[in-house]
Amino acid sequence: MFKKALKIIGYVILAIIAIFIIAWQFDYSTASGPVWGATFSEYYAKDLLKIDWQKAYEAILSELNFKELRLAAYWEYLEPAQGTLDFKDLDWQIQEAKKFGKDIVLDVGYRLPRWPECHEPDWAKKLSASDFKKSLFDYMSGVVNRYKDESSIKMWQVENEPFLSTFGECPPLDPNLLKEEIGLVKSIDSSRPVMVTDTGELSFWLRTAGYGDVLGTTLYRVVWSSLLGKFRHFLPPAFYTWRAWIMENLLGTKDVIVAELQAEPWAVNNASLSNIAFDKQMENLSLDDMRDIISFVKKTGLKEAYLWGPEWWYYREINGDPSWMEFGKTLK
């Protein structure tokens, strides 16, 4: 029986290897390729990279060829004092993007892009669960009501990777709360789709399917972990393509896009890249790695891809390395 069990396990392993070898042969590239977008985080540029976030934003808008932007309506910035929403910085970002004809995905919620993932104001952390929910909904209502008539907003995103409980300094998100948040956004603006995001490498997306109109996946090829160190994913492009087909044709999601495409190194121990020696920052991701990532995402055939890290490109440029910004100019 033991020998039979070993033989079965061996056959299963061989079958899995064969599937991966076959899957790597599929190329779903299209002539037009994906529409390139970028995520921009005021918080990341200002608080972590310690750069002039407005100059970084203007450079990304004016010098690079991104057609779309994903912006975050950070609760901690918009409502530093309870009951008063300050839209000055976000208004400026949206108006500047509009000048350059960019379409915008606007992310609302308390779990938004960039470590530590949850970005609620300090005062909100002291509230009871019911008061926290009321304050969260008041802030979200304020954001959606303010921008629901803004033509440059193409889509709302509600929370960011809400089911990824293993990453970030966040409590597990209640699925019922997520449904209510989406319902709130749709009750104010029923004309735009809502996107919900999920990890591309650690999930089959089954739990996320059906929450929003659009599913946004992350796509990382070269990562770092305390267990493995620098690690290159072996997943083929078809791993994303085939799951997207299942989401769109069987599980009710209207579209799948790459909401977060790796375009900066994965920092060791979740540190900010600015805390890593300048000449060592690229040890976990080179420009050649980046070119491979661009080629990889094209082979998935997914329609849109928002690059994650152009703030860091600008940070490199003002510190003497323009190569990443120059690379960004080649994306069409």
Protein backbone atom coordinates (compact mmCIF):
# COMPACT_ATOMS: atom_id res chain seq x y z
CA MET A 1 0.00 0.00 0.00
CA PHE A 2 2.87 2.34 0.84
CA LYS A 3 4.46 1.74 -2.57
CA LYS A 4 1.13 2.34 -4.31
CA ALA A 5 0.67 5.58 -2.39
CA LEU A 6 4.15 6.75 -3.39
CA LYS A 7 3.44 5.87 -7.01
CA ILE A 8 0.18 7.86 -6.97
CA ILE A 9 1.91 10.85 -5.40
CA GLY A 10 4.64 10.60 -8.05
CA TYR A 11 2.07 10.56 -10.85
CA VAL A 12 0.30 13.60 -9.35
CA ILE A 13 3.58 15.52 -9.14
CA LEU A 14 4.46 14.62 -12.72
CA ALA A 15 0.98 15.69 -13.88
CA ILE A 16 1.35 19.06 -12.13
CA ILE A 17 4.78 19.60 -13.67
CA ALA A 18 3.41 18.68 -17.11
CA ILE A 19 0.51 21.13 -16.71
CA PHE A 20 2.91 23.94 -15.82
CA ILE A 21 5.21 23.12 -18.75
CA ILE A 22 2.24 23.14 -21.13
CA ALA A 23 0.80 26.31 -19.60
CA TRP A 24 4.05 28.19 -20.19
CA GLN A 25 3.59 27.65 -23.94
CA PHE A 26 0.41 29.76 -24.08
CA ASP A 27 0.76 33.39 -25.13
CA TYR A 28 -2.40 35.51 -25.05
CA SER A 29 -0.77 38.74 -26.21
CA THR A 30 -2.83 41.11 -28.33
CA ALA A 31 -1.64 43.59 -30.93
CA SER A 32 -2.68 46.56 -28.80
CA GLY A 33 -1.34 45.11 -25.55
CA PRO A 34 -2.69 46.26 -22.18
CA VAL A 35 -3.57 49.86 -21.41
CA TRP A 36 -0.88 51.03 -18.98
CA GLY A 37 -1.83 52.83 -15.81
CA ALA A 38 -0.08 53.71 -12.56
CA THR A 39 -0.93 53.73 -8.89
CA PHE A 40 0.07 56.95 -7.15
CA SER A 41 0.18 57.26 -3.37
CA GLU A 42 0.57 60.67 -1.75
CA TYR A 43 1.21 58.86 1.54
CA TYR A 44 4.03 56.72 0.08
CA ALA A 45 5.79 59.64 -1.59
CA LYS A 46 5.47 62.04 1.33
CA ASP A 47 5.71 59.89 4.44
CA LEU A 48 7.89 56.98 3.35
CA LEU A 49 10.09 58.18 0.48
CA LYS A 50 10.27 61.68 2.01
CA ILE A 51 10.08 63.46 -1.35
CA ASP A 52 8.03 66.37 -2.66
CA TRP A 53 4.92 64.37 -3.52
CA GLN A 54 3.43 67.05 -5.75
CA LYS A 55 6.57 67.31 -7.89
CA ALA A 56 6.69 63.52 -8.13
CA TYR A 57 3.06 63.44 -9.23
CA GLU A 58 3.57 66.17 -11.82
CA ALA A 59 6.59 64.34 -13.25
CA ILE A 60 4.66 61.09 -13.54
CA LEU A 61 1.79 62.88 -15.28
CA SER A 62 3.89 64.95 -17.67
CA GLU A 63 6.83 62.66 -18.48
CA LEU A 64 5.37 59.15 -18.55
CA ASN A 65 2.82 57.62 -20.91
CA PHE A 66 0.30 56.21 -18.44
CA LYS A 67 -3.26 56.64 -19.66
CA GLU A 68 -4.89 55.85 -16.32
CA LEU A 69 -4.24 56.44 -12.62
CA ARG A 70 -5.28 54.65 -9.47
CA LEU A 71 -5.51 57.11 -6.57
CA ALA A 72 -6.31 56.51 -2.92
CA ALA A 73 -8.69 58.63 -0.84
CA TYR A 74 -6.75 58.10 2.39
CA TRP A 75 -9.09 58.47 5.34
CA GLU A 76 -6.25 59.58 7.65
CA TYR A 77 -5.46 62.50 5.32
CA LEU A 78 -9.03 63.45 4.46
CA GLU A 79 -10.35 63.47 8.03
CA PRO A 80 -7.46 64.18 10.44
CA ALA A 81 -10.02 65.65 12.87
CA GLN A 82 -13.32 63.84 13.32
CA GLY A 83 -16.22 65.36 11.44
CA THR A 84 -14.25 67.59 9.06
CA LEU A 85 -13.21 66.35 5.61
CA ASP A 86 -10.32 68.14 3.91
CA PHE A 87 -10.27 67.42 0.15
CA LYS A 88 -7.55 69.92 -0.80
CA ASP A 89 -4.81 67.41 -1.72
CA LEU A 90 -7.13 64.93 -3.41
CA ASP A 91 -8.89 67.70 -5.34
CA TRP A 92 -5.51 68.82 -6.62
CA GLN A 93 -4.51 65.30 -7.70
CA ILE A 94 -7.76 64.81 -9.61
CA GLN A 95 -7.61 68.20 -11.32
CA GLU A 96 -3.96 67.71 -12.34
CA ALA A 97 -4.77 64.28 -13.78
CA LYS A 98 -7.69 65.79 -15.65
CA LYS A 99 -5.37 68.38 -17.27
CA PHE A 100 -3.43 65.51 -18.82
CA GLY A 101 -6.52 63.57 -19.87
CA LYS A 102 -6.04 60.68 -17.44
CA ASP A 103 -8.86 58.40 -16.35
CA ILE A 104 -8.94 57.68 -12.62
CA VAL A 105 -9.77 54.72 -10.41
CA LEU A 106 -10.45 56.11 -6.93
CA ASP A 107 -9.95 53.79 -3.96
CA VAL A 108 -12.04 54.35 -0.81
CA GLY A 109 -12.17 52.49 2.51
CA TYR A 110 -9.87 52.09 5.49
CA ARG A 111 -7.62 49.42 3.94
CA LEU A 112 -5.91 51.21 1.05
CA PRO A 113 -2.63 50.81 -0.88
CA ARG A 114 0.74 50.84 0.89
CA TRP A 115 2.03 49.47 4.16
CA PRO A 116 0.68 49.20 6.84
CA GLU A 117 -2.38 48.75 4.58
CA CYS A 118 -4.94 50.13 7.05
CA HIS A 119 -5.00 53.94 7.00
CA GLU A 120 -7.74 54.99 9.40
CA PRO A 121 -7.16 58.21 11.42
CA ASP A 122 -5.77 57.85 14.93
CA TRP A 123 -9.04 59.09 16.43
CA ALA A 124 -11.00 56.35 14.65
CA LYS A 125 -8.89 53.62 16.28
CA LYS A 126 -10.38 54.53 19.64
CA LEU A 127 -14.01 54.20 18.57
CA SER A 128 -16.36 51.35 19.33
CA ALA A 129 -17.15 49.00 16.44
CA SER A 130 -20.51 50.66 15.75
CA ASP A 131 -19.08 54.20 15.91
CA PHE A 132 -16.15 53.17 13.71
CA LYS A 133 -18.52 51.83 11.07
CA LYS A 134 -20.63 55.01 11.16
CA SER A 135 -17.54 57.21 10.82
CA LEU A 136 -16.18 55.01 8.02
CA PHE A 137 -19.44 55.27 6.10
CA ASP A 138 -19.63 59.03 6.67
CA TYR A 139 -16.13 59.46 5.19
CA MET A 140 -16.87 57.14 2.25
CA SER A 141 -20.16 58.93 1.54
CA GLY A 142 -18.34 62.24 1.61
CA VAL A 143 -15.77 61.06 -0.95
CA VAL A 144 -18.25 59.50 -3.37
CA ASN A 145 -20.67 62.42 -3.16
CA ARG A 146 -17.87 64.88 -3.84
CA TYR A 147 -16.59 63.13 -6.96
CA LYS A 148 -19.62 61.34 -8.38
CA ASP A 149 -20.04 64.06 -11.03
CA GLU A 150 -16.33 64.18 -11.90
CA SER A 151 -15.98 62.94 -15.49
CA SER A 152 -12.41 61.73 -15.04
CA ILE A 153 -13.44 59.11 -12.45
CA LYS A 154 -13.98 55.88 -14.40
CA MET A 155 -14.36 53.43 -11.51
CA TRP A 156 -14.46 53.13 -7.73
CA GLN A 157 -12.35 50.67 -5.81
CA VAL A 158 -13.65 49.60 -2.39
CA GLU A 159 -10.92 48.58 0.06
CA ASN A 160 -7.63 47.05 -1.13
CA GLU A 161 -7.04 43.28 -1.11
CA PRO A 162 -9.65 43.00 1.67
CA PHE A 163 -9.27 39.23 2.11
CA LEU A 164 -5.46 39.20 2.35
CA SER A 165 -5.32 38.78 6.12
CA THR A 166 -1.69 37.59 6.14
CA PHE A 167 -0.28 40.94 5.00
CA GLY A 168 -0.45 44.33 6.67
CA GLU A 169 -1.27 45.60 10.14
CA CYS A 170 -5.03 45.18 9.78
CA PRO A 171 -7.79 43.25 11.49
CA PRO A 172 -9.57 40.69 9.29
CA LEU A 173 -12.24 42.42 7.22
CA ASP A 174 -15.83 41.37 7.81
CA PRO A 175 -17.28 40.20 4.44
CA ASN A 176 -20.66 41.65 5.42
CA LEU A 177 -19.03 45.04 6.02
CA LEU A 178 -17.43 44.86 2.56
CA LYS A 179 -20.85 44.16 1.01
CA GLU A 180 -22.31 47.12 2.86
CA GLU A 181 -19.47 49.38 1.72
CA ILE A 182 -20.02 48.38 -1.90
CA GLY A 183 -23.76 48.88 -1.49
CA LEU A 184 -23.14 52.33 -0.03
CA VAL A 185 -20.98 53.38 -2.99
CA LYS A 186 -23.50 52.05 -5.50
CA SER A 187 -26.40 53.77 -3.70
CA ILE A 188 -24.67 57.12 -4.24
CA ASP A 189 -23.27 56.43 -7.73
CA SER A 190 -24.88 53.59 -9.65
CA SER A 191 -23.38 54.65 -12.98
CA ARG A 192 -19.79 53.51 -12.38
CA PRO A 193 -18.42 50.02 -11.77
CA VAL A 194 -16.88 49.01 -8.45
CA MET A 195 -13.59 47.11 -8.32
CA VAL A 196 -12.51 44.75 -5.56
CA THR A 197 -8.91 43.53 -5.55
CA ASP A 198 -7.20 40.28 -4.61
CA THR A 199 -3.71 38.84 -4.58
CA GLY A 200 -2.70 37.23 -7.85
CA GLU A 201 -0.28 34.69 -6.43
CA LEU A 202 -1.84 33.59 -3.12
CA SER A 203 -5.49 33.23 -4.13
CA PHE A 204 -7.68 31.61 -6.75
CA TRP A 205 -10.02 34.65 -6.43
CA LEU A 206 -13.01 32.45 -5.59
CA ARG A 207 -13.77 34.33 -2.38
CA THR A 208 -13.55 37.72 -4.11
CA ALA A 209 -15.66 36.77 -7.12
CA GLY A 210 -19.02 38.47 -7.25
CA TYR A 211 -18.33 41.25 -4.76
CA GLY A 212 -17.59 43.91 -7.35
CA ASP A 213 -18.14 44.46 -11.05
CA VAL A 214 -14.39 44.33 -11.73
CA LEU A 215 -11.77 42.12 -10.09
CA GLY A 216 -8.34 43.69 -9.85
CA THR A 217 -5.43 41.32 -9.35
CA THR A 218 -1.93 41.98 -8.14
CA LEU A 219 0.89 40.57 -10.26
CA TYR A 220 4.33 40.13 -8.67
CA ARG A 221 7.17 38.14 -10.19
CA VAL A 222 10.15 38.78 -7.89
CA VAL A 223 9.42 38.95 -4.16
CA TRP A 224 11.21 38.62 -0.84
CA SER A 225 10.21 36.63 2.21
CA SER A 226 11.86 35.97 5.56
CA LEU A 227 11.64 32.24 4.83
CA LEU A 228 12.91 32.08 1.24
CA GLY A 229 14.69 35.38 0.72
CA LYS A 230 14.50 36.57 -2.89
CA PHE A 231 12.01 34.39 -4.72
CA ARG A 232 10.96 34.29 -8.38
CA HIS A 233 7.45 33.06 -9.05
CA PHE A 234 7.18 30.12 -11.41
CA LEU A 235 3.53 30.77 -12.31
CA PRO A 236 2.90 31.06 -16.09
CA PRO A 237 0.94 33.91 -17.72
CA ALA A 238 -1.91 31.49 -18.37
CA PHE A 239 -2.40 31.12 -14.61
CA TYR A 240 -3.86 34.64 -14.67
CA THR A 241 -5.58 34.30 -18.05
CA TRP A 242 -7.43 31.10 -17.22
CA ARG A 243 -8.63 32.35 -13.83
CA ALA A 244 -9.79 35.57 -15.47
CA TRP A 245 -11.82 33.53 -17.97
CA ILE A 246 -13.47 31.62 -15.11
CA MET A 247 -14.27 34.86 -13.25
CA GLU A 248 -15.74 36.55 -16.34
CA ASN A 249 -17.63 33.60 -17.80
CA LEU A 250 -18.68 31.47 -14.85
CA LEU A 251 -18.65 33.53 -11.65
CA GLY A 252 -20.27 36.82 -12.61
CA THR A 253 -17.32 39.23 -12.64
CA LYS A 254 -17.60 41.56 -15.63
CA ASP A 255 -13.87 42.16 -16.09
CA VAL A 256 -10.47 41.25 -14.63
CA ILE A 257 -7.55 43.67 -14.78
CA VAL A 258 -4.08 43.96 -13.24
CA ALA A 259 -4.69 46.56 -10.54
CA GLU A 260 -1.18 46.31 -9.10
CA LEU A 261 1.76 45.34 -11.32
CA GLN A 262 5.12 45.13 -9.62
CA ALA A 263 7.36 47.97 -10.79
CA GLU A 264 9.64 48.42 -7.79
CA PRO A 265 11.65 46.01 -5.61
CA TRP A 266 10.01 44.15 -2.76
CA ALA A 267 11.68 45.68 0.30
CA VAL A 268 13.20 43.40 2.92
CA ASN A 269 11.08 43.09 6.10
CA ASN A 270 8.48 45.48 4.59
CA ALA A 271 10.85 48.41 5.11
CA SER A 272 10.53 51.52 3.01
CA LEU A 273 12.93 51.45 0.09
CA SER A 274 14.25 54.81 1.26
CA ASN A 275 15.61 53.02 4.37
CA ILE A 276 17.69 50.68 2.20
CA ALA A 277 21.06 51.84 0.89
CA PHE A 278 20.56 53.50 -2.49
CA ASP A 279 22.98 51.19 -4.31
CA LYS A 280 21.29 48.10 -2.82
CA GLN A 281 17.66 48.99 -3.51
CA MET A 282 17.63 47.19 -6.85
CA GLU A 283 19.05 43.90 -5.57
CA ASN A 284 15.53 42.42 -5.49
CA LEU A 285 14.44 43.87 -8.84
CA SER A 286 16.59 44.99 -11.76
CA LEU A 287 15.52 46.78 -14.92
CA ASP A 288 15.97 43.51 -16.80
CA ASP A 289 13.55 41.91 -14.31
CA MET A 290 11.14 44.78 -15.01
CA ARG A 291 11.32 44.23 -18.76
CA ASP A 292 10.53 40.54 -18.16
CA ILE A 293 7.53 41.54 -16.03
CA ILE A 294 6.20 43.77 -18.82
CA SER A 295 6.62 40.95 -21.33
CA PHE A 296 4.92 38.55 -18.90
CA VAL A 297 1.83 40.71 -18.32
CA LYS A 298 1.40 41.20 -22.05
CA LYS A 299 1.21 37.41 -22.44
CA THR A 300 -1.69 37.23 -19.99
CA GLY A 301 -3.86 39.17 -22.44
CA LEU A 302 -5.44 41.18 -19.61
CA LYS A 303 -6.70 44.54 -20.83
CA GLU A 304 -5.28 46.95 -18.24
CA ALA A 305 -2.27 47.01 -15.93
CA TYR A 306 -1.55 49.63 -13.26
CA LEU A 307 2.14 49.79 -12.38
CA TRP A 308 3.10 49.94 -8.72
CA GLY A 309 6.12 52.10 -7.95
CA PRO A 310 6.49 55.19 -10.20
CA GLU A 311 6.92 57.34 -7.06
CA TRP A 312 10.08 55.33 -6.42
CA TRP A 313 11.18 55.84 -10.03
CA TYR A 314 11.06 59.61 -9.44
CA TYR A 315 12.85 59.18 -6.10
CA ARG A 316 15.65 57.35 -7.95
CA GLU A 317 15.83 60.07 -10.58
CA ILE A 318 16.21 62.99 -8.17
CA ASN A 319 18.91 61.01 -6.37
CA GLY A 320 20.98 60.48 -9.51
CA ASP A 321 19.51 57.43 -11.28
CA PRO A 322 17.12 58.41 -14.12
CA SER A 323 17.06 54.89 -15.61
CA TRP A 324 13.65 53.93 -14.22
CA MET A 325 11.94 57.11 -15.37
CA GLU A 326 13.57 56.62 -18.77
CA PHE A 327 12.25 53.07 -18.82
CA GLY A 328 8.76 54.36 -18.03
CA LYS A 329 8.87 56.63 -21.07
CA THR A 330 9.20 53.57 -23.32
CA LEU A 331 5.83 52.13 -22.27
CA LYS A 332 3.22 52.76 -24.97
